[in-house]
Amino acid sequence: MPICYFCQKNKKIDYKDIEVLKQFISGQMKIYPRRKTGLCNYHQNRLKKAIKRARILGLLPFVNQ
């Protein structure tokens, strides 16, 4: 199993960092599951909340048009 991206880089998840969040979203704007991202449980949940927060604030789209 790959090492968690955020644990390895010692990085915090921020809802304003759209470029990092886009790495974990598919072309149809779905959040990739943990088995595909390789994140630990803690960071996967933080990532999920950050993506949802960015969507609500209009930084990320809900669907790809």
PDB file of N, CA and C in Angstrom:
ATOM      1  N   MET A   1       0.845  -1.183   0.000  1.00  0.00           N
ATOM      2  CA  MET A   1       0.000   0.000   0.000  1.00  0.00           C
ATOM      3  C   MET A   1       0.893   1.251   0.000  1.00  0.00           C
ATOM      4  N   PRO A   2       0.581   2.239  -0.850  1.00  0.00           N
ATOM      5  CA  PRO A   2       1.403   3.443  -0.910  1.00  0.00           C
ATOM      6  C   PRO A   2       1.298   4.259   0.382  1.00  0.00           C
ATOM      7  N   ILE A   3       2.319   5.037   0.621  1.00  0.00           N
ATOM      8  CA  ILE A   3       2.334   5.898   1.797  1.00  0.00           C
ATOM      9  C   ILE A   3       1.441   7.104   1.539  1.00  0.00           C
ATOM     10  N   CYS A   4       0.765   7.546   2.570  1.00  0.00           N
ATOM     11  CA  CYS A   4      -0.148   8.691   2.473  1.00  0.00           C
ATOM     12  C   CYS A   4       0.605   9.924   1.972  1.00  0.00           C
ATOM     13  N   TYR A   5       0.040  10.589   0.987  1.00  0.00           N
ATOM     14  CA  TYR A   5       0.654  11.775   0.372  1.00  0.00           C
ATOM     15  C   TYR A   5       0.879  12.871   1.409  1.00  0.00           C
ATOM     16  N   PHE A   6      -0.101  13.123   2.256  1.00  0.00           N
ATOM     17  CA  PHE A   6      -0.010  14.225   3.212  1.00  0.00           C
ATOM     18  C   PHE A   6       0.895  13.876   4.394  1.00  0.00           C
ATOM     19  N   CYS A   7       0.953  12.605   4.783  1.00  0.00           N
ATOM     20  CA  CYS A   7       1.876  12.190   5.836  1.00  0.00           C
ATOM     21  C   CYS A   7       3.312  12.280   5.334  1.00  0.00           C
ATOM     22  N   GLN A   8       3.522  11.864   4.103  1.00  0.00           N
ATOM     23  CA  GLN A   8       4.860  11.853   3.517  1.00  0.00           C
ATOM     24  C   GLN A   8       5.406  13.269   3.337  1.00  0.00           C
ATOM     25  N   LYS A   9       4.595  14.181   2.839  1.00  0.00           N
ATOM     26  CA  LYS A   9       5.025  15.557   2.586  1.00  0.00           C
ATOM     27  C   LYS A   9       4.912  16.438   3.824  1.00  0.00           C
ATOM     28  N   ASN A  10       4.306  15.903   4.886  1.00  0.00           N
ATOM     29  CA  ASN A  10       4.071  16.660   6.124  1.00  0.00           C
ATOM     30  C   ASN A  10       3.321  17.955   5.812  1.00  0.00           C
ATOM     31  N   LYS A  11       2.226  17.804   5.055  1.00  0.00           N
ATOM     32  CA  LYS A  11       1.453  18.914   4.546  1.00  0.00           C
ATOM     33  C   LYS A  11       0.067  18.923   5.176  1.00  0.00           C
ATOM     34  N   LYS A  12      -0.502  20.089   5.349  1.00  0.00           N
ATOM     35  CA  LYS A  12      -1.866  20.199   5.869  1.00  0.00           C
ATOM     36  C   LYS A  12      -2.829  20.332   4.698  1.00  0.00           C
ATOM     37  N   ILE A  13      -4.027  19.806   4.876  1.00  0.00           N
ATOM     38  CA  ILE A  13      -5.060  19.898   3.847  1.00  0.00           C
ATOM     39  C   ILE A  13      -5.783  21.227   4.014  1.00  0.00           C
ATOM     40  N   ASP A  14      -5.861  21.988   2.920  1.00  0.00           N
ATOM     41  CA  ASP A  14      -6.506  23.286   2.954  1.00  0.00           C
ATOM     42  C   ASP A  14      -7.538  23.356   1.839  1.00  0.00           C
ATOM     43  N   TYR A  15      -8.744  23.794   2.171  1.00  0.00           N
ATOM     44  CA  TYR A  15      -9.813  23.857   1.176  1.00  0.00           C
ATOM     45  C   TYR A  15      -9.531  24.908   0.110  1.00  0.00           C
ATOM     46  N   LYS A  16      -8.619  25.840   0.358  1.00  0.00           N
ATOM     47  CA  LYS A  16      -8.294  26.881  -0.616  1.00  0.00           C
ATOM     48  C   LYS A  16      -7.221  26.441  -1.613  1.00  0.00           C
ATOM     49  N   ASP A  17      -6.568  25.324  -1.350  1.00  0.00           N
ATOM     50  CA  ASP A  17      -5.513  24.811  -2.224  1.00  0.00           C
ATOM     51  C   ASP A  17      -6.141  23.900  -3.284  1.00  0.00           C
ATOM     52  N   ILE A  18      -6.713  24.515  -4.297  1.00  0.00           N
ATOM     53  CA  ILE A  18      -7.507  23.806  -5.298  1.00  0.00           C
ATOM     54  C   ILE A  18      -6.664  22.840  -6.126  1.00  0.00           C
ATOM     55  N   GLU A  19      -5.422  23.199  -6.428  1.00  0.00           N
ATOM     56  CA  GLU A  19      -4.572  22.344  -7.265  1.00  0.00           C
ATOM     57  C   GLU A  19      -4.319  20.998  -6.591  1.00  0.00           C
ATOM     58  N   VAL A  20      -4.129  20.995  -5.295  1.00  0.00           N
ATOM     59  CA  VAL A  20      -3.913  19.734  -4.577  1.00  0.00           C
ATOM     60  C   VAL A  20      -5.217  18.942  -4.514  1.00  0.00           C
ATOM     61  N   LEU A  21      -6.321  19.613  -4.268  1.00  0.00           N
ATOM     62  CA  LEU A  21      -7.610  18.918  -4.165  1.00  0.00           C
ATOM     63  C   LEU A  21      -8.012  18.276  -5.496  1.00  0.00           C
ATOM     64  N   LYS A  22      -7.668  18.920  -6.597  1.00  0.00           N
ATOM     65  CA  LYS A  22      -8.022  18.386  -7.918  1.00  0.00           C
ATOM     66  C   LYS A  22      -7.339  17.057  -8.220  1.00  0.00           C
ATOM     67  N   GLN A  23      -6.222  16.779  -7.569  1.00  0.00           N
ATOM     68  CA  GLN A  23      -5.517  15.515  -7.784  1.00  0.00           C
ATOM     69  C   GLN A  23      -6.339  14.332  -7.277  1.00  0.00           C
ATOM     70  N   PHE A  24      -7.252  14.581  -6.358  1.00  0.00           N
ATOM     71  CA  PHE A  24      -8.014  13.509  -5.722  1.00  0.00           C
ATOM     72  C   PHE A  24      -9.465  13.480  -6.189  1.00  0.00           C
ATOM     73  N   ILE A  25      -9.759  14.128  -7.327  1.00  0.00           N
ATOM     74  CA  ILE A  25     -11.110  14.162  -7.894  1.00  0.00           C
ATOM     75  C   ILE A  25     -11.043  13.623  -9.313  1.00  0.00           C
ATOM     76  N   SER A  26     -12.023  12.807  -9.673  1.00  0.00           N
ATOM     77  CA  SER A  26     -12.065  12.240 -11.025  1.00  0.00           C
ATOM     78  C   SER A  26     -12.558  13.289 -12.021  1.00  0.00           C
ATOM     79  N   GLY A  27     -12.600  12.931 -13.286  1.00  0.00           N
ATOM     80  CA  GLY A  27     -13.076  13.821 -14.333  1.00  0.00           C
ATOM     81  C   GLY A  27     -14.542  14.162 -14.199  1.00  0.00           C
ATOM     82  N   GLN A  28     -15.280  13.307 -13.516  1.00  0.00           N
ATOM     83  CA  GLN A  28     -16.704  13.567 -13.286  1.00  0.00           C
ATOM     84  C   GLN A  28     -16.944  14.225 -11.930  1.00  0.00           C
ATOM     85  N   MET A  29     -15.855  14.749 -11.344  1.00  0.00           N
ATOM     86  CA  MET A  29     -15.875  15.471 -10.071  1.00  0.00           C
ATOM     87  C   MET A  29     -16.256  14.599  -8.881  1.00  0.00           C
ATOM     88  N   LYS A  30     -15.966  13.312  -8.974  1.00  0.00           N
ATOM     89  CA  LYS A  30     -16.196  12.413  -7.843  1.00  0.00           C
ATOM     90  C   LYS A  30     -14.906  12.293  -7.043  1.00  0.00           C
ATOM     91  N   ILE A  31     -15.051  12.184  -5.727  1.00  0.00           N
ATOM     92  CA  ILE A  31     -13.888  12.027  -4.859  1.00  0.00           C
ATOM     93  C   ILE A  31     -13.408  10.588  -4.967  1.00  0.00           C
ATOM     94  N   TYR A  32     -12.101  10.419  -5.235  1.00  0.00           N
ATOM     95  CA  TYR A  32     -11.545   9.078  -5.334  1.00  0.00           C
ATOM     96  C   TYR A  32     -11.614   8.368  -3.980  1.00  0.00           C
ATOM     97  N   PRO A  33     -11.841   7.055  -3.984  1.00  0.00           N
ATOM     98  CA  PRO A  33     -11.860   6.304  -2.721  1.00  0.00           C
ATOM     99  C   PRO A  33     -10.451   6.135  -2.158  1.00  0.00           C
ATOM    100  N   ARG A  34     -10.388   5.721  -0.925  1.00  0.00           N
ATOM    101  CA  ARG A  34      -9.124   5.571  -0.217  1.00  0.00           C
ATOM    102  C   ARG A  34      -8.208   4.558  -0.877  1.00  0.00           C
ATOM    103  N   ARG A  35      -8.755   3.511  -1.419  1.00  0.00           N
ATOM    104  CA  ARG A  35      -7.923   2.474  -2.042  1.00  0.00           C
ATOM    105  C   ARG A  35      -7.219   2.998  -3.292  1.00  0.00           C
ATOM    106  N   LYS A  36      -7.781   4.043  -3.912  1.00  0.00           N
ATOM    107  CA  LYS A  36      -7.157   4.615  -5.102  1.00  0.00           C
ATOM    108  C   LYS A  36      -6.198   5.755  -4.747  1.00  0.00           C
ATOM    109  N   THR A  37      -6.535   6.549  -3.737  1.00  0.00           N
ATOM    110  CA  THR A  37      -5.683   7.678  -3.368  1.00  0.00           C
ATOM    111  C   THR A  37      -4.481   7.237  -2.544  1.00  0.00           C
ATOM    112  N   GLY A  38      -4.632   6.176  -1.762  1.00  0.00           N
ATOM    113  CA  GLY A  38      -3.542   5.714  -0.914  1.00  0.00           C
ATOM    114  C   GLY A  38      -3.385   6.534   0.352  1.00  0.00           C
ATOM    115  N   LEU A  39      -4.387   7.334   0.694  1.00  0.00           N
ATOM    116  CA  LEU A  39      -4.317   8.160   1.889  1.00  0.00           C
ATOM    117  C   LEU A  39      -4.687   7.349   3.124  1.00  0.00           C
ATOM    118  N   CYS A  40      -4.208   7.810   4.270  1.00  0.00           N
ATOM    119  CA  CYS A  40      -4.620   7.186   5.524  1.00  0.00           C
ATOM    120  C   CYS A  40      -6.052   7.638   5.831  1.00  0.00           C
ATOM    121  N   ASN A  41      -6.670   6.961   6.767  1.00  0.00           N
ATOM    122  CA  ASN A  41      -8.064   7.250   7.100  1.00  0.00           C
ATOM    123  C   ASN A  41      -8.239   8.697   7.558  1.00  0.00           C
ATOM    124  N   TYR A  42      -7.334   9.172   8.385  1.00  0.00           N
ATOM    125  CA  TYR A  42      -7.408  10.534   8.915  1.00  0.00           C
ATOM    126  C   TYR A  42      -7.407  11.563   7.787  1.00  0.00           C
ATOM    127  N   HIS A  43      -6.453  11.438   6.867  1.00  0.00           N
ATOM    128  CA  HIS A  43      -6.340  12.417   5.789  1.00  0.00           C
ATOM    129  C   HIS A  43      -7.431  12.258   4.740  1.00  0.00           C
ATOM    130  N   GLN A  44      -7.926  11.053   4.532  1.00  0.00           N
ATOM    131  CA  GLN A  44      -9.024  10.872   3.580  1.00  0.00           C
ATOM    132  C   GLN A  44     -10.273  11.607   4.070  1.00  0.00           C
ATOM    133  N   ASN A  45     -10.550  11.511   5.361  1.00  0.00           N
ATOM    134  CA  ASN A  45     -11.713  12.215   5.913  1.00  0.00           C
ATOM    135  C   ASN A  45     -11.519  13.717   5.867  1.00  0.00           C
ATOM    136  N   ARG A  46     -10.307  14.202   6.159  1.00  0.00           N
ATOM    137  CA  ARG A  46     -10.022  15.637   6.074  1.00  0.00           C
ATOM    138  C   ARG A  46     -10.141  16.126   4.629  1.00  0.00           C
ATOM    139  N   LEU A  47      -9.668  15.301   3.687  1.00  0.00           N
ATOM    140  CA  LEU A  47      -9.751  15.646   2.272  1.00  0.00           C
ATOM    141  C   LEU A  47     -11.203  15.748   1.830  1.00  0.00           C
ATOM    142  N   LYS A  48     -12.008  14.800   2.253  1.00  0.00           N
ATOM    143  CA  LYS A  48     -13.429  14.797   1.907  1.00  0.00           C
ATOM    144  C   LYS A  48     -14.101  16.083   2.388  1.00  0.00           C
ATOM    145  N   LYS A  49     -13.820  16.472   3.624  1.00  0.00           N
ATOM    146  CA  LYS A  49     -14.421  17.687   4.180  1.00  0.00           C
ATOM    147  C   LYS A  49     -13.923  18.932   3.451  1.00  0.00           C
ATOM    148  N   ALA A  50     -12.647  18.955   3.096  1.00  0.00           N
ATOM    149  CA  ALA A  50     -12.077  20.114   2.398  1.00  0.00           C
ATOM    150  C   ALA A  50     -12.681  20.254   0.998  1.00  0.00           C
ATOM    151  N   ILE A  51     -12.870  19.137   0.291  1.00  0.00           N
ATOM    152  CA  ILE A  51     -13.461  19.188  -1.049  1.00  0.00           C
ATOM    153  C   ILE A  51     -14.904  19.653  -0.967  1.00  0.00           C
ATOM    154  N   LYS A  52     -15.639  19.145  -0.008  1.00  0.00           N
ATOM    155  CA  LYS A  52     -17.037  19.562   0.146  1.00  0.00           C
ATOM    156  C   LYS A  52     -17.139  21.036   0.516  1.00  0.00           C
ATOM    157  N   ARG A  53     -16.242  21.505   1.364  1.00  0.00           N
ATOM    158  CA  ARG A  53     -16.224  22.922   1.744  1.00  0.00           C
ATOM    159  C   ARG A  53     -15.893  23.797   0.534  1.00  0.00           C
ATOM    160  N   ALA A  54     -14.921  23.372  -0.275  1.00  0.00           N
ATOM    161  CA  ALA A  54     -14.541  24.131  -1.469  1.00  0.00           C
ATOM    162  C   ALA A  54     -15.686  24.169  -2.476  1.00  0.00           C
ATOM    163  N   ARG A  55     -16.444  23.093  -2.566  1.00  0.00           N
ATOM    164  CA  ARG A  55     -17.602  23.068  -3.472  1.00  0.00           C
ATOM    165  C   ARG A  55     -18.669  24.049  -3.013  1.00  0.00           C
ATOM    166  N   ILE A  56     -18.943  24.081  -1.727  1.00  0.00           N
ATOM    167  CA  ILE A  56     -19.980  24.967  -1.197  1.00  0.00           C
ATOM    168  C   ILE A  56     -19.587  26.434  -1.393  1.00  0.00           C
ATOM    169  N   LEU A  57     -18.303  26.743  -1.243  1.00  0.00           N
ATOM    170  CA  LEU A  57     -17.825  28.115  -1.426  1.00  0.00           C
ATOM    171  C   LEU A  57     -17.663  28.495  -2.893  1.00  0.00           C
ATOM    172  N   GLY A  58     -17.825  27.540  -3.791  1.00  0.00           N
ATOM    173  CA  GLY A  58     -17.754  27.836  -5.220  1.00  0.00           C
ATOM    174  C   GLY A  58     -16.350  27.763  -5.791  1.00  0.00           C
ATOM    175  N   LEU A  59     -15.400  27.229  -5.038  1.00  0.00           N
ATOM    176  CA  LEU A  59     -14.036  27.102  -5.544  1.00  0.00           C
ATOM    177  C   LEU A  59     -13.884  25.890  -6.461  1.00  0.00           C
ATOM    178  N   LEU A  60     -14.672  24.865  -6.214  1.00  0.00           N
ATOM    179  CA  LEU A  60     -14.699  23.657  -7.043  1.00  0.00           C
ATOM    180  C   LEU A  60     -16.133  23.419  -7.510  1.00  0.00           C
ATOM    181  N   PRO A  61     -16.324  22.922  -8.716  1.00  0.00           N
ATOM    182  CA  PRO A  61     -17.688  22.640  -9.173  1.00  0.00           C
ATOM    183  C   PRO A  61     -18.202  21.320  -8.579  1.00  0.00           C
ATOM    184  N   PHE A  62     -19.512  21.214  -8.471  1.00  0.00           N
ATOM    185  CA  PHE A  62     -20.122  19.958  -8.016  1.00  0.00           C
ATOM    186  C   PHE A  62     -20.096  18.922  -9.135  1.00  0.00           C
ATOM    187  N   VAL A  63     -20.354  19.355 -10.365  1.00  0.00           N
ATOM    188  CA  VAL A  63     -20.341  18.452 -11.521  1.00  0.00           C
ATOM    189  C   VAL A  63     -19.548  19.102 -12.649  1.00  0.00           C
ATOM    190  N   ASN A  64     -19.044  18.287 -13.550  1.00  0.00           N
ATOM    191  CA  ASN A  64     -18.313  18.772 -14.716  1.00  0.00           C
ATOM    192  C   ASN A  64     -19.301  18.976 -15.847  1.00  0.00           C
ATOM    193  N   GLN A  65     -19.302  20.157 -16.425  1.00  0.00           N
ATOM    194  CA  GLN A  65     -20.275  20.438 -17.490  1.00  0.00           C
ATOM    195  C   GLN A  65     -19.626  20.428 -18.840  1.00  0.00           C
TER     196      GLN A  65
END
